[in-house]
């Protein structure tokens, strides 16, 4: 599955990318679900994922 990602302002190659915010409340995942997919979970609107 292709997913758009963003880079933080101080991003360096190899650093995690920012995962887009969920489009609806139904798509918000729990912290456990996000971690199972490889996301570094900060809050529902800020998640990182390794390249």
Protein backbone atom coordinates (compact mmCIF):
# COMPACT_ATOMS: atom_id res chain seq x y z
CA UNK A 1 0.00 0.00 0.00
CA UNK A 2 1.41 3.38 -1.02
CA UNK A 3 1.12 6.04 1.62
CA UNK A 4 2.11 9.70 1.47
CA UNK A 5 4.67 10.69 4.08
CA UNK A 6 6.19 14.00 5.18
CA UNK A 7 9.61 14.87 6.48
CA UNK A 8 10.22 16.99 9.59
CA UNK A 9 12.16 20.25 9.14
CA UNK A 10 15.40 18.77 10.53
CA UNK A 11 15.03 15.41 8.75
CA UNK A 12 18.13 13.45 7.74
CA UNK A 13 18.21 10.30 5.55
CA UNK A 14 17.39 7.30 7.74
CA UNK A 15 15.25 9.31 10.18
CA UNK A 16 11.55 8.41 10.60
CA UNK A 17 8.95 10.05 8.36
CA UNK A 18 5.72 11.71 9.53
CA UNK A 19 2.55 9.73 8.78
CA UNK A 20 -0.42 11.87 7.60
CA UNK A 21 -3.25 12.62 10.03
CA UNK A 22 -6.27 10.26 9.71
CA UNK A 23 -8.99 11.65 7.42
CA UNK A 24 -11.85 10.80 9.79
CA UNK A 25 -12.47 9.83 13.38
CA UNK A 26 -13.26 6.28 12.25
CA UNK A 27 -9.70 5.90 10.91
CA UNK A 28 -7.99 6.89 14.17
CA UNK A 29 -6.09 3.89 15.50
CA UNK A 30 -5.28 3.07 19.10
CA UNK A 31 -1.67 3.39 20.20
CA UNK A 32 -1.36 -0.40 20.24
CA UNK A 33 -2.70 -0.75 16.66
CA UNK A 34 -0.32 1.96 15.43
CA UNK A 35 2.70 0.34 17.11
CA UNK A 36 1.77 -3.02 15.56
CA UNK A 37 2.05 -1.36 12.11
CA UNK A 38 5.50 0.03 12.92
CA UNK A 39 4.48 3.57 13.84
CA UNK A 40 6.18 5.54 16.58
CA UNK A 41 3.06 6.93 18.23
CA UNK A 42 3.20 10.44 19.77
CA UNK A 43 -0.51 11.30 19.70
CA UNK A 44 -3.45 10.52 17.39
CA UNK A 45 -2.38 13.23 14.95
CA UNK A 46 1.41 12.75 15.14
CA UNK A 47 2.93 9.41 14.22
CA UNK A 48 6.30 8.54 12.73
CA UNK A 49 7.36 5.52 10.70
CA UNK A 50 10.79 4.29 9.64
CA UNK A 51 11.45 4.29 5.91
